Amino acid sequence: MTLDRAVLMFAGFMVLFSLSLGLYVSSYWFLLTGFVGLNLIQASMTGFCPAAIVFRKLGLAPGGAFR
């Protein structure tokens, strides 16, 4: 698995996870959904993603999207 795919999978998981928590636990969890969405927009414009840094340190092979 490349770094790019890991970041996209993690973002998708976090969106689904925060949506389910927002529906069943507290509506404040929808703030996490918004944060993930804003981070995806920011990463697409700048190429900087904090999750990519973590996955790179875990040893995933680099992809072409993140620096």
PDB file of N, CA and C in Angstrom:
ATOM      1  N   MET A   1       0.853  -1.173   0.000  1.00  0.00           N
ATOM      2  CA  MET A   1       0.000   0.000   0.000  1.00  0.00           C
ATOM      3  C   MET A   1       0.895   1.230   0.000  1.00  0.00           C
ATOM      4  N   THR A   2       0.551   2.176  -0.828  1.00  0.00           N
ATOM      5  CA  THR A   2       1.328   3.413  -0.876  1.00  0.00           C
ATOM      6  C   THR A   2       0.800   4.422   0.142  1.00  0.00           C
ATOM      7  N   LEU A   3       1.587   5.435   0.334  1.00  0.00           N
ATOM      8  CA  LEU A   3       1.242   6.499   1.271  1.00  0.00           C
ATOM      9  C   LEU A   3      -0.064   7.174   0.881  1.00  0.00           C
ATOM     10  N   ASP A   4      -0.236   7.436  -0.405  1.00  0.00           N
ATOM     11  CA  ASP A   4      -1.437   8.126  -0.878  1.00  0.00           C
ATOM     12  C   ASP A   4      -2.699   7.326  -0.574  1.00  0.00           C
ATOM     13  N   ARG A   5      -2.650   6.039  -0.856  1.00  0.00           N
ATOM     14  CA  ARG A   5      -3.825   5.200  -0.606  1.00  0.00           C
ATOM     15  C   ARG A   5      -4.119   5.082   0.885  1.00  0.00           C
ATOM     16  N   ALA A   6      -3.075   5.031   1.704  1.00  0.00           N
ATOM     17  CA  ALA A   6      -3.277   4.943   3.154  1.00  0.00           C
ATOM     18  C   ALA A   6      -3.947   6.209   3.681  1.00  0.00           C
ATOM     19  N   VAL A   7      -3.528   7.370   3.177  1.00  0.00           N
ATOM     20  CA  VAL A   7      -4.129   8.637   3.623  1.00  0.00           C
ATOM     21  C   VAL A   7      -5.596   8.695   3.208  1.00  0.00           C
ATOM     22  N   LEU A   8      -5.888   8.308   1.973  1.00  0.00           N
ATOM     23  CA  LEU A   8      -7.282   8.330   1.514  1.00  0.00           C
ATOM     24  C   LEU A   8      -8.143   7.340   2.298  1.00  0.00           C
ATOM     25  N   MET A   9      -7.601   6.158   2.582  1.00  0.00           N
ATOM     26  CA  MET A   9      -8.361   5.176   3.353  1.00  0.00           C
ATOM     27  C   MET A   9      -8.610   5.670   4.778  1.00  0.00           C
ATOM     28  N   PHE A  10      -7.597   6.270   5.382  1.00  0.00           N
ATOM     29  CA  PHE A  10      -7.738   6.797   6.734  1.00  0.00           C
ATOM     30  C   PHE A  10      -8.781   7.919   6.777  1.00  0.00           C
ATOM     31  N   ALA A  11      -8.749   8.813   5.781  1.00  0.00           N
ATOM     32  CA  ALA A  11      -9.721   9.909   5.734  1.00  0.00           C
ATOM     33  C   ALA A  11     -11.133   9.364   5.567  1.00  0.00           C
ATOM     34  N   GLY A  12     -11.310   8.392   4.694  1.00  0.00           N
ATOM     35  CA  GLY A  12     -12.628   7.789   4.516  1.00  0.00           C
ATOM     36  C   GLY A  12     -13.120   7.110   5.778  1.00  0.00           C
ATOM     37  N   PHE A  13     -12.224   6.384   6.450  1.00  0.00           N
ATOM     38  CA  PHE A  13     -12.594   5.735   7.705  1.00  0.00           C
ATOM     39  C   PHE A  13     -13.001   6.769   8.755  1.00  0.00           C
ATOM     40  N   MET A  14     -12.240   7.857   8.858  1.00  0.00           N
ATOM     41  CA  MET A  14     -12.552   8.872   9.857  1.00  0.00           C
ATOM     42  C   MET A  14     -13.891   9.553   9.571  1.00  0.00           C
ATOM     43  N   VAL A  15     -14.207   9.777   8.306  1.00  0.00           N
ATOM     44  CA  VAL A  15     -15.496  10.377   7.961  1.00  0.00           C
ATOM     45  C   VAL A  15     -16.635   9.450   8.362  1.00  0.00           C
ATOM     46  N   LEU A  16     -16.526   8.178   7.992  1.00  0.00           N
ATOM     47  CA  LEU A  16     -17.592   7.226   8.344  1.00  0.00           C
ATOM     48  C   LEU A  16     -17.700   7.032   9.853  1.00  0.00           C
ATOM     49  N   PHE A  17     -16.558   6.972  10.531  1.00  0.00           N
ATOM     50  CA  PHE A  17     -16.534   6.799  11.981  1.00  0.00           C
ATOM     51  C   PHE A  17     -17.181   7.996  12.683  1.00  0.00           C
ATOM     52  N   SER A  18     -16.811   9.208  12.264  1.00  0.00           N
ATOM     53  CA  SER A  18     -17.368  10.399  12.918  1.00  0.00           C
ATOM     54  C   SER A  18     -18.846  10.585  12.578  1.00  0.00           C
ATOM     55  N   LEU A  19     -19.256  10.180  11.388  1.00  0.00           N
ATOM     56  CA  LEU A  19     -20.686  10.249  11.062  1.00  0.00           C
ATOM     57  C   LEU A  19     -21.493   9.302  11.943  1.00  0.00           C
ATOM     58  N   SER A  20     -20.985   8.086  12.134  1.00  0.00           N
ATOM     59  CA  SER A  20     -21.724   7.140  12.974  1.00  0.00           C
ATOM     60  C   SER A  20     -21.752   7.600  14.430  1.00  0.00           C
ATOM     61  N   LEU A  21     -20.646   8.144  14.926  1.00  0.00           N
ATOM     62  CA  LEU A  21     -20.650   8.681  16.287  1.00  0.00           C
ATOM     63  C   LEU A  21     -21.585   9.890  16.400  1.00  0.00           C
ATOM     64  N   GLY A  22     -21.639  10.704  15.356  1.00  0.00           N
ATOM     65  CA  GLY A  22     -22.532  11.854  15.362  1.00  0.00           C
ATOM     66  C   GLY A  22     -23.996  11.458  15.393  1.00  0.00           C
ATOM     67  N   LEU A  23     -24.318  10.354  14.727  1.00  0.00           N
ATOM     68  CA  LEU A  23     -25.706   9.890  14.711  1.00  0.00           C
ATOM     69  C   LEU A  23     -26.111   9.190  16.002  1.00  0.00           C
ATOM     70  N   TYR A  24     -25.202   8.425  16.590  1.00  0.00           N
ATOM     71  CA  TYR A  24     -25.575   7.570  17.719  1.00  0.00           C
ATOM     72  C   TYR A  24     -25.083   8.047  19.085  1.00  0.00           C
ATOM     73  N   VAL A  25     -24.089   8.934  19.134  1.00  0.00           N
ATOM     74  CA  VAL A  25     -23.542   9.341  20.430  1.00  0.00           C
ATOM     75  C   VAL A  25     -23.852  10.812  20.715  1.00  0.00           C
ATOM     76  N   SER A  26     -23.273  11.700  19.920  1.00  0.00           N
ATOM     77  CA  SER A  26     -23.462  13.134  20.146  1.00  0.00           C
ATOM     78  C   SER A  26     -23.259  13.869  18.827  1.00  0.00           C
ATOM     79  N   SER A  27     -24.038  14.891  18.616  1.00  0.00           N
ATOM     80  CA  SER A  27     -23.912  15.655  17.377  1.00  0.00           C
ATOM     81  C   SER A  27     -22.601  16.438  17.306  1.00  0.00           C
ATOM     82  N   TYR A  28     -21.890  16.575  18.411  1.00  0.00           N
ATOM     83  CA  TYR A  28     -20.601  17.259  18.399  1.00  0.00           C
ATOM     84  C   TYR A  28     -19.558  16.494  17.575  1.00  0.00           C
ATOM     85  N   TRP A  29     -19.758  15.202  17.369  1.00  0.00           N
ATOM     86  CA  TRP A  29     -18.834  14.413  16.551  1.00  0.00           C
ATOM     87  C   TRP A  29     -18.847  14.851  15.095  1.00  0.00           C
ATOM     88  N   PHE A  30     -19.881  15.553  14.657  1.00  0.00           N
ATOM     89  CA  PHE A  30     -19.912  16.063  13.285  1.00  0.00           C
ATOM     90  C   PHE A  30     -18.826  17.118  13.058  1.00  0.00           C
ATOM     91  N   LEU A  31     -18.335  17.720  14.135  1.00  0.00           N
ATOM     92  CA  LEU A  31     -17.213  18.646  14.003  1.00  0.00           C
ATOM     93  C   LEU A  31     -15.969  17.933  13.485  1.00  0.00           C
ATOM     94  N   LEU A  32     -15.772  16.687  13.892  1.00  0.00           N
ATOM     95  CA  LEU A  32     -14.643  15.906  13.380  1.00  0.00           C
ATOM     96  C   LEU A  32     -14.806  15.650  11.889  1.00  0.00           C
ATOM     97  N   THR A  33     -16.018  15.392  11.440  1.00  0.00           N
ATOM     98  CA  THR A  33     -16.276  15.216  10.012  1.00  0.00           C
ATOM     99  C   THR A  33     -15.895  16.479   9.249  1.00  0.00           C
ATOM    100  N   GLY A  34     -16.272  17.626   9.769  1.00  0.00           N
ATOM    101  CA  GLY A  34     -15.911  18.893   9.143  1.00  0.00           C
ATOM    102  C   GLY A  34     -14.411  19.125   9.127  1.00  0.00           C
ATOM    103  N   PHE A  35     -13.739  18.768  10.209  1.00  0.00           N
ATOM    104  CA  PHE A  35     -12.286  18.924  10.280  1.00  0.00           C
ATOM    105  C   PHE A  35     -11.598  18.052   9.235  1.00  0.00           C
ATOM    106  N   VAL A  36     -12.049  16.818   9.090  1.00  0.00           N
ATOM    107  CA  VAL A  36     -11.451  15.925   8.095  1.00  0.00           C
ATOM    108  C   VAL A  36     -11.669  16.486   6.692  1.00  0.00           C
ATOM    109  N   GLY A  37     -12.862  16.997   6.410  1.00  0.00           N
ATOM    110  CA  GLY A  37     -13.139  17.590   5.111  1.00  0.00           C
ATOM    111  C   GLY A  37     -12.264  18.799   4.832  1.00  0.00           C
ATOM    112  N   LEU A  38     -12.114  19.675   5.822  1.00  0.00           N
ATOM    113  CA  LEU A  38     -11.248  20.845   5.650  1.00  0.00           C
ATOM    114  C   LEU A  38      -9.793  20.444   5.453  1.00  0.00           C
ATOM    115  N   ASN A  39      -9.360  19.405   6.164  1.00  0.00           N
ATOM    116  CA  ASN A  39      -7.990  18.932   6.007  1.00  0.00           C
ATOM    117  C   ASN A  39      -7.769  18.352   4.615  1.00  0.00           C
ATOM    118  N   LEU A  40      -8.766  17.664   4.063  1.00  0.00           N
ATOM    119  CA  LEU A  40      -8.642  17.143   2.700  1.00  0.00           C
ATOM    120  C   LEU A  40      -8.532  18.281   1.687  1.00  0.00           C
ATOM    121  N   ILE A  41      -9.315  19.327   1.864  1.00  0.00           N
ATOM    122  CA  ILE A  41      -9.236  20.485   0.965  1.00  0.00           C
ATOM    123  C   ILE A  41      -7.870  21.152   1.082  1.00  0.00           C
ATOM    124  N   GLN A  42      -7.408  21.365   2.298  1.00  0.00           N
ATOM    125  CA  GLN A  42      -6.103  21.974   2.536  1.00  0.00           C
ATOM    126  C   GLN A  42      -4.991  21.129   1.925  1.00  0.00           C
ATOM    127  N   ALA A  43      -5.047  19.811   2.092  1.00  0.00           N
ATOM    128  CA  ALA A  43      -4.009  18.930   1.555  1.00  0.00           C
ATOM    129  C   ALA A  43      -4.004  18.927   0.037  1.00  0.00           C
ATOM    130  N   SER A  44      -5.167  19.064  -0.571  1.00  0.00           N
ATOM    131  CA  SER A  44      -5.212  19.080  -2.032  1.00  0.00           C
ATOM    132  C   SER A  44      -4.608  20.361  -2.600  1.00  0.00           C
ATOM    133  N   MET A  45      -4.670  21.453  -1.838  1.00  0.00           N
ATOM    134  CA  MET A  45      -4.116  22.720  -2.315  1.00  0.00           C
ATOM    135  C   MET A  45      -2.624  22.865  -2.021  1.00  0.00           C
ATOM    136  N   THR A  46      -2.185  22.360  -0.875  1.00  0.00           N
ATOM    137  CA  THR A  46      -0.805  22.588  -0.454  1.00  0.00           C
ATOM    138  C   THR A  46       0.086  21.364  -0.590  1.00  0.00           C
ATOM    139  N   GLY A  47      -0.480  20.171  -0.593  1.00  0.00           N
ATOM    140  CA  GLY A  47       0.325  18.952  -0.615  1.00  0.00           C
ATOM    141  C   GLY A  47       0.817  18.548   0.762  1.00  0.00           C
ATOM    142  N   PHE A  48       0.470  19.299   1.798  1.00  0.00           N
ATOM    143  CA  PHE A  48       0.879  18.993   3.170  1.00  0.00           C
ATOM    144  C   PHE A  48      -0.254  18.292   3.892  1.00  0.00           C
ATOM    145  N   CYS A  49       0.039  17.123   4.464  1.00  0.00           N
ATOM    146  CA  CYS A  49      -0.962  16.371   5.211  1.00  0.00           C
ATOM    147  C   CYS A  49      -0.310  15.770   6.454  1.00  0.00           C
ATOM    148  N   PRO A  50      -0.807  16.101   7.646  1.00  0.00           N
ATOM    149  CA  PRO A  50      -0.237  15.537   8.860  1.00  0.00           C
ATOM    150  C   PRO A  50      -0.305  14.008   8.907  1.00  0.00           C
ATOM    151  N   ALA A  51      -1.376  13.433   8.386  1.00  0.00           N
ATOM    152  CA  ALA A  51      -1.480  11.970   8.380  1.00  0.00           C
ATOM    153  C   ALA A  51      -0.416  11.350   7.485  1.00  0.00           C
ATOM    154  N   ALA A  52      -0.056  12.032   6.399  1.00  0.00           N
ATOM    155  CA  ALA A  52       0.988  11.519   5.512  1.00  0.00           C
ATOM    156  C   ALA A  52       2.333  11.472   6.223  1.00  0.00           C
ATOM    157  N   ILE A  53       2.591  12.435   7.087  1.00  0.00           N
ATOM    158  CA  ILE A  53       3.833  12.437   7.853  1.00  0.00           C
ATOM    159  C   ILE A  53       3.891  11.215   8.769  1.00  0.00           C
ATOM    160  N   VAL A  54       2.777  10.936   9.426  1.00  0.00           N
ATOM    161  CA  VAL A  54       2.722   9.787  10.332  1.00  0.00           C
ATOM    162  C   VAL A  54       2.894   8.487   9.565  1.00  0.00           C
ATOM    163  N   PHE A  55       2.190   8.341   8.450  1.00  0.00           N
ATOM    164  CA  PHE A  55       2.296   7.115   7.668  1.00  0.00           C
ATOM    165  C   PHE A  55       3.689   6.948   7.072  1.00  0.00           C
ATOM    166  N   ARG A  56       4.341   8.044   6.704  1.00  0.00           N
ATOM    167  CA  ARG A  56       5.705   7.964   6.178  1.00  0.00           C
ATOM    168  C   ARG A  56       6.651   7.460   7.257  1.00  0.00           C
ATOM    169  N   LYS A  57       6.468   7.942   8.499  1.00  0.00           N
ATOM    170  CA  LYS A  57       7.316   7.484   9.601  1.00  0.00           C
ATOM    171  C   LYS A  57       7.064   6.020   9.943  1.00  0.00           C
ATOM    172  N   LEU A  58       5.865   5.535   9.612  1.00  0.00           N
ATOM    173  CA  LEU A  58       5.559   4.121   9.831  1.00  0.00           C
ATOM    174  C   LEU A  58       6.150   3.232   8.737  1.00  0.00           C
ATOM    175  N   GLY A  59       6.729   3.846   7.692  1.00  0.00           N
ATOM    176  CA  GLY A  59       7.447   3.095   6.703  1.00  0.00           C
ATOM    177  C   GLY A  59       6.701   2.785   5.408  1.00  0.00           C
ATOM    178  N   LEU A  60       5.590   3.456   5.153  1.00  0.00           N
ATOM    179  CA  LEU A  60       4.862   3.213   3.905  1.00  0.00           C
ATOM    180  C   LEU A  60       5.617   3.818   2.728  1.00  0.00           C
ATOM    181  N   ALA A  61       5.512   3.157   1.592  1.00  0.00           N
ATOM    182  CA  ALA A  61       6.177   3.637   0.386  1.00  0.00           C
ATOM    183  C   ALA A  61       5.543   4.939  -0.074  1.00  0.00           C
ATOM    184  N   PRO A  62       6.376   5.910  -0.468  1.00  0.00           N
ATOM    185  CA  PRO A  62       5.815   7.192  -0.899  1.00  0.00           C
ATOM    186  C   PRO A  62       5.032   7.071  -2.201  1.00  0.00           C
ATOM    187  N   GLY A  63       4.027   7.919  -2.298  1.00  0.00           N
ATOM    188  CA  GLY A  63       3.261   8.040  -3.541  1.00  0.00           C
ATOM    189  C   GLY A  63       3.609   9.355  -4.185  1.00  0.00           C
ATOM    190  N   GLY A  64       2.804   9.808  -5.102  1.00  0.00           N
ATOM    191  CA  GLY A  64       3.111  11.032  -5.815  1.00  0.00           C
ATOM    192  C   GLY A  64       2.407  12.269  -5.288  1.00  0.00           C
ATOM    193  N   ALA A  65       1.446  12.106  -4.393  1.00  0.00           N
ATOM    194  CA  ALA A  65       0.603  13.243  -4.023  1.00  0.00           C
ATOM    195  C   ALA A  65       1.157  14.076  -2.872  1.00  0.00           C
ATOM    196  N   PHE A  66       1.763  13.460  -1.887  1.00  0.00           N
ATOM    197  CA  PHE A  66       2.155  14.194  -0.673  1.00  0.00           C
ATOM    198  C   PHE A  66       3.658  14.316  -0.562  1.00  0.00           C
ATOM    199  N   ARG A  67       4.098  15.476  -0.073  1.00  0.00           N
ATOM    200  CA  ARG A  67       5.527  15.733   0.114  1.00  0.00           C
ATOM    201  C   ARG A  67       6.007  15.179   1.414  1.00  0.00           C
TER     202      ARG A  67
END
